[in-house]
Protein backbone atom coordinates (compact mmCIF):
# COMPACT_ATOMS: atom_id res chain seq x y z
CA MET A 1 128.51 -105.64 -78.48
CA SER A 2 126.05 -102.82 -78.12
CA LEU A 3 122.63 -103.72 -78.80
CA THR A 4 122.89 -101.43 -82.30
CA SER A 5 125.83 -103.43 -83.43
CA ASP A 6 123.68 -106.69 -82.58
CA ILE A 7 120.97 -105.08 -85.02
CA GLN A 8 123.56 -104.32 -87.61
CA ALA A 9 124.72 -108.34 -87.42
CA ALA A 10 120.92 -108.85 -87.61
CA ILE A 11 120.59 -106.78 -90.40
CA ILE A 12 123.75 -108.44 -92.39
CA LYS A 13 122.92 -112.04 -91.29
CA ALA A 14 118.98 -111.64 -93.17
CA MET A 15 120.40 -110.35 -95.83
CA LYS A 16 122.37 -113.26 -96.65
CA ALA A 17 119.55 -115.47 -95.52
CA GLN A 18 117.44 -113.56 -97.76
CA ASP A 19 114.91 -113.62 -94.95
CA LYS A 20 112.89 -110.25 -96.40
CA GLU A 21 110.34 -110.31 -93.84
CA LYS A 22 113.04 -110.06 -90.75
CA LEU A 23 115.24 -107.91 -93.12
CA SER A 24 112.26 -105.27 -93.27
CA VAL A 25 111.67 -105.26 -89.67
CA LEU A 26 115.24 -104.74 -89.02
CA ARG A 27 115.47 -101.89 -91.20
CA MET A 28 112.50 -100.14 -89.52
CA LEU A 29 114.07 -100.37 -86.42
CA LYS A 30 117.73 -99.27 -87.90
CA ALA A 31 115.70 -96.15 -89.52
CA SER A 32 114.27 -95.40 -86.15
CA ILE A 33 117.24 -95.41 -84.16
CA SER A 34 119.19 -93.21 -86.48
CA ASN A 35 116.41 -90.96 -86.32
CA LYS A 36 116.31 -90.79 -82.51
CA GLN A 37 120.01 -89.79 -82.63
CA ILE A 38 119.61 -87.26 -85.19
CA GLU A 39 117.10 -85.88 -82.64
CA LEU A 40 119.58 -86.44 -79.51
CA GLY A 41 122.42 -85.63 -81.00
CA HIS A 42 124.47 -88.62 -79.75
CA GLU A 43 124.86 -92.09 -80.22
CA LEU A 44 121.94 -94.17 -78.32
CA SER A 45 122.69 -96.16 -75.21
CA ASP A 46 121.39 -99.86 -74.97
CA GLU A 47 118.77 -98.07 -72.69
CA GLU A 48 118.02 -95.45 -75.37
CA VAL A 49 117.94 -98.12 -77.76
CA VAL A 50 115.53 -100.36 -75.79
CA ALA A 51 113.51 -97.24 -75.18
CA VAL A 52 113.21 -96.70 -79.43
CA LEU A 53 112.31 -100.99 -79.38
CA ALA A 54 109.74 -100.23 -76.72
CA SER A 55 107.90 -97.68 -78.42
CA GLU A 56 108.17 -99.66 -82.01
CA VAL A 57 106.60 -102.67 -80.23
CA LYS A 58 103.57 -100.22 -78.40
CA SER A 59 102.83 -98.74 -81.94
CA ARG A 60 102.49 -102.18 -83.62
CA ARG A 61 100.59 -103.16 -80.86
CA ASP A 62 97.95 -100.01 -81.35
CA SER A 63 97.74 -101.10 -85.04
CA ILE A 64 96.62 -104.48 -84.26
CA ASN A 65 93.92 -103.12 -82.22
CA ASP A 66 92.94 -100.51 -85.49
CA PHE A 67 93.97 -103.74 -88.11
CA LYS A 68 90.99 -105.91 -85.71
CA LYS A 69 88.51 -102.93 -85.70
CA GLY A 70 88.96 -103.07 -89.32
CA LYS A 71 88.84 -106.82 -89.83
CA ARG A 72 92.21 -107.15 -91.89
CA ASN A 73 93.46 -110.32 -90.09
CA ASP A 74 95.78 -110.37 -93.11
CA LEU A 75 97.57 -106.79 -91.26
CA VAL A 76 97.02 -108.10 -87.80
CA THR A 77 99.25 -111.27 -88.67
CA MET A 78 101.90 -109.64 -90.21
CA THR A 79 102.20 -107.29 -87.36
CA GLU A 80 102.91 -109.89 -85.07
CA LYS A 81 105.27 -111.30 -86.58
CA GLU A 82 106.96 -107.81 -86.78
CA ILE A 83 106.25 -107.64 -82.94
CA GLU A 84 108.25 -111.36 -82.60
CA VAL A 85 110.84 -109.94 -84.15
CA LEU A 86 111.05 -106.51 -82.11
CA LYS A 87 110.56 -108.55 -79.20
CA THR A 88 113.88 -110.81 -79.46
CA TYR A 89 116.17 -107.46 -78.72
CA LEU A 90 113.94 -106.71 -75.72
CA PRO A 91 115.08 -107.38 -72.35
CA GLU A 92 113.36 -110.23 -69.99
CA PRO A 93 110.22 -108.96 -69.18
CA LEU A 94 109.44 -108.29 -65.79
CA SER A 95 106.06 -110.26 -63.64
CA GLU A 96 103.79 -108.55 -62.61
CA GLU A 97 104.63 -109.20 -59.11
CA GLN A 98 108.67 -107.60 -59.90
CA VAL A 99 106.73 -104.82 -60.55
CA SER A 100 104.62 -105.00 -57.72
CA LYS A 101 107.97 -105.24 -55.41
CA MET A 102 109.06 -102.24 -57.17
CA ILE A 103 106.15 -100.22 -56.91
CA ASP A 104 106.38 -100.70 -53.22
CA GLN A 105 109.88 -99.78 -52.90
CA ALA A 106 109.70 -96.74 -55.01
CA ILE A 107 106.41 -95.90 -52.69
CA SER A 108 109.04 -96.09 -49.61
CA ASN A 109 111.72 -94.74 -51.53
CA VAL A 110 109.66 -90.98 -52.29
CA ASN A 111 107.56 -91.25 -48.94
CA ALA A 112 104.75 -91.28 -50.97
CA SER A 113 100.94 -90.85 -48.93
CA GLY A 114 98.82 -90.41 -51.41
CA LEU A 115 97.53 -90.56 -55.30
CA ARG A 116 99.04 -86.71 -55.57
CA ASP A 117 102.76 -88.22 -55.21
CA MET A 118 102.29 -91.14 -58.22
CA GLY A 119 104.35 -88.67 -60.61
CA LYS A 120 107.30 -89.18 -57.94
CA VAL A 121 106.78 -92.40 -57.98
CA MET A 122 106.29 -93.12 -61.75
CA GLY A 123 109.90 -91.49 -62.48
CA GLN A 124 111.65 -93.67 -60.22
CA LEU A 125 109.99 -96.96 -62.33
CA SER A 126 109.14 -95.67 -65.46
CA SER A 127 113.60 -96.04 -66.50
CA ARG A 128 113.91 -98.98 -64.70
CA THR A 129 110.83 -101.15 -66.36
CA LYS A 130 110.80 -99.41 -69.94
CA GLY A 131 110.56 -102.05 -72.99
CA ARG A 132 110.21 -104.71 -69.97
CA PHE A 133 106.37 -103.52 -68.64
CA ASP A 134 103.91 -101.86 -70.10
CA GLY A 135 103.46 -98.42 -69.15
CA SER A 136 99.74 -98.09 -68.68
CA LYS A 137 99.46 -101.16 -66.61
CA LEU A 138 102.26 -99.69 -64.81
CA ALA A 139 100.36 -96.45 -64.05
CA SER A 140 97.44 -98.78 -63.03
CA LEU A 141 98.79 -100.93 -60.28
CA VAL A 142 100.76 -97.75 -58.76
CA LYS A 143 97.76 -95.95 -58.68
CA ASP A 144 95.68 -98.71 -57.29
CA LYS A 145 98.50 -99.36 -54.17
CA LEU A 146 98.65 -95.37 -53.60
CA GLY A 147 94.80 -94.96 -53.80
CA ALA A 148 94.37 -97.93 -51.22
């Protein structure tokens, strides 16, 4: 069963359970997936759906930062709940140790010798870590390893 099918089944289940909060988040997710399908012109693979999920989580995390600055704790709480719903569909997150090993492997694969090779290393890593590790943190770790 594909991830899109799982999400559709969860929407039906939330409707039957009358879980309005979860249903709202899942419908927004389904709309984002549909928009991406229209943009790309084909059915999304599970990897592409994970990318949409990661994007949705990231945008909500950015919103949380804005809400905290505006002292809107009610919206912070609501948005954190939305993130928890979305996280159930993301693959298991990678630990920093796992990512460090992946970085070392990618550096050796492309024979990276300095910061000028960062793009090559990131190119190898971004698809493998999408939705499983924070992209900005990944870039920082790669930069540290290449700069050393």
